[in-house]
Amino acid sequence: MSPASRGASHPLRRTVPAVPACVAGLRADAAGYLAAAGAPPELTEAVRLAVSEAVSNVILHAYPPDDDPGPVHLVVEVSRGTVHVTVADEGRGIAPRFDSPGAGLGLPIIANVATRLELGPAGEAGTELRMSFDGLAA
C-alpha cells in the first residue's frame, strides 16, 4: 500500500459546535489525516490554512451572534492524488453583510491556496464550501 493511499478509503468526518476553540482542533485533525495519507508538508499547510479560514467564516457569519452556536461540519478525503475538503454549516446561508465583523479576506485566501473552490447552499439551510487540492502522489 502506498503512503498516499493510507487513510484514503475512509474520509475524515467531524461535526463540532462552531466556536473559536474548534478551529485549532479541526485544523489539527485535517493535518493528521493528511500525514497518514503521506501528504507533503506544503500541501498539508495549504489545507490547514484553508480549513482555518473556512471554519472561521462559519463562526463569524453562519449563526446569529446572540444564539447558541450551531454545528460546523468538516469532511476531508483523498481520491486519485487530490485532497477534497468540505466545510459546511446549517446557518443562515450566503448573503451580503454590510456589518460583517470579518476583514473579507477568508475566501480570497482559500482561493489562493486551493486548486478548486466552490461555494453554495448546503441543503435547506446553510452554506457548503468545497475545496480541492492537487499535489498528493497517487
Foldseek 3Di string as FASTA:
>chain_A
DDQQCFLQVDKDKDKDFLDPVCLVVVLVVQLVSVVSNVADPLQSVLVSLLSNLLSVCCSQPFAPPVDGTFMWMWIWHDDQQKIKIKIKTQGAFDDDDPPGPDPPCSVVSNVVSFPDWDWDADPPGIIMIMTMHGDGHD
